């Protein structure tokens, strides 16, 4: 399985996140998962930063599991996503500097 992360303009600072830095509301990240050697994604996992108070324990992130066509299969403060991302080094995100 291969993955690629794409971000919107509000999440452009994602690669440079560090201690104490958080992304603003409206920031969105989508992780495209591909079968080895395929150009077509099999699953998309997304995070959208919501307004302060949306889910304070989860960094105010909404998680989405999407079909390859972009249809939402599950969304919200999904417990499995929150549990994993609670261990992320910066703003509940993996992938930035550690």
Protein backbone atom coordinates (compact mmCIF):
# COMPACT_ATOMS: atom_id res chain seq x y z
CA UNK A 1 0.00 0.00 0.00
CA UNK A 2 1.29 3.44 -0.92
CA UNK A 3 -0.02 6.78 0.36
CA UNK A 4 0.07 10.42 -0.70
CA UNK A 5 -1.07 13.39 1.42
CA UNK A 6 -2.67 16.40 -0.24
CA UNK A 7 -3.58 19.60 1.60
CA UNK A 8 -5.63 22.70 0.92
CA UNK A 9 -4.27 26.26 1.19
CA UNK A 10 -5.26 26.55 4.88
CA UNK A 11 -3.09 23.49 5.62
CA UNK A 12 -0.08 24.63 3.58
CA UNK A 13 2.00 24.92 6.79
CA UNK A 14 1.53 21.19 7.47
CA UNK A 15 5.06 20.12 6.48
CA UNK A 16 6.59 22.74 8.80
CA UNK A 17 4.51 22.10 11.92
CA UNK A 18 6.42 22.09 15.14
CA UNK A 19 5.81 22.38 18.87
CA UNK A 20 3.05 24.82 19.72
CA UNK A 21 1.95 25.35 16.11
CA UNK A 22 -1.55 24.40 15.05
CA UNK A 23 -3.40 24.63 11.76
CA UNK A 24 -6.34 27.05 11.44
CA UNK A 25 -10.01 26.11 11.12
CA UNK A 26 -10.73 25.08 7.55
CA UNK A 27 -7.40 23.28 7.11
CA UNK A 28 -7.94 19.98 5.32
CA UNK A 29 -5.64 17.04 4.65
CA UNK A 30 -6.53 14.04 2.51
CA UNK A 31 -4.44 10.88 2.48
CA UNK A 32 -4.89 8.88 -0.71
CA UNK A 33 -4.13 5.15 -0.33
CA UNK A 34 -3.13 3.19 -3.43
CA UNK A 35 -2.58 -0.50 -4.04
CA UNK A 36 1.05 -1.07 -5.04
CA UNK A 37 1.55 -0.07 -8.67
CA UNK A 38 -1.96 1.37 -9.08
CA UNK A 39 -2.80 4.95 -10.08
CA UNK A 40 -6.32 4.68 -8.65
CA UNK A 41 -6.86 5.21 -4.91
CA UNK A 42 -8.62 2.49 -2.95
CA UNK A 43 -9.37 4.59 0.16
CA UNK A 44 -9.20 8.23 1.16
CA UNK A 45 -8.75 9.34 4.77
CA UNK A 46 -9.32 13.01 5.55
CA UNK A 47 -9.05 15.44 8.44
CA UNK A 48 -10.70 18.86 8.57
CA UNK A 49 -9.89 21.36 11.33
CA UNK A 50 -13.18 22.68 12.74
CA UNK A 51 -13.96 25.70 14.93
CA UNK A 52 -12.70 25.87 18.50
CA UNK A 53 -14.93 23.71 20.69
CA UNK A 54 -15.90 21.19 17.97
CA UNK A 55 -13.93 18.44 19.76
CA UNK A 56 -11.45 19.96 22.23
CA UNK A 57 -10.04 16.56 23.29
CA UNK A 58 -9.37 15.76 19.63
CA UNK A 59 -7.77 19.07 18.66
CA UNK A 60 -11.05 20.14 16.99
CA UNK A 61 -10.42 17.78 14.06
CA UNK A 62 -13.19 16.04 12.12
CA UNK A 63 -12.15 12.72 10.55
CA UNK A 64 -13.59 11.33 7.34
CA UNK A 65 -13.29 7.95 5.68
CA UNK A 66 -14.14 8.33 2.00
CA UNK A 67 -14.73 6.02 -0.92
CA UNK A 68 -12.41 6.35 -3.94
CA UNK A 69 -15.14 8.49 -5.54
CA UNK A 70 -15.03 10.91 -2.58
CA UNK A 71 -18.32 9.86 -0.96
CA UNK A 72 -18.26 9.95 2.83
CA UNK A 73 -18.51 6.49 4.39
CA UNK A 74 -17.92 7.70 7.98
CA UNK A 75 -17.29 11.12 9.46
CA UNK A 76 -17.08 12.92 12.77
CA UNK A 77 -14.91 12.66 15.87
CA UNK A 78 -14.28 8.99 15.04
CA UNK A 79 -12.90 7.18 18.13
CA UNK A 80 -10.32 5.00 16.30
CA UNK A 81 -8.93 8.06 14.49
CA UNK A 82 -8.88 10.18 17.66
CA UNK A 83 -7.14 7.42 19.62
CA UNK A 84 -4.31 7.11 17.10
CA UNK A 85 -3.93 10.85 16.45
CA UNK A 86 -3.76 11.59 20.19
CA UNK A 87 -0.18 10.25 19.96
CA UNK A 88 0.78 12.51 17.04
CA UNK A 89 3.61 14.96 17.76
CA UNK A 90 1.98 18.23 16.62
CA UNK A 91 -1.69 19.30 16.48
CA UNK A 92 -2.87 15.67 16.30
CA UNK A 93 -0.98 15.28 13.00
CA UNK A 94 1.65 12.84 11.83
CA UNK A 95 4.02 13.65 8.99
CA UNK A 96 5.47 16.96 10.07
CA UNK A 97 8.83 17.13 11.82
CA UNK A 98 9.17 14.90 14.88
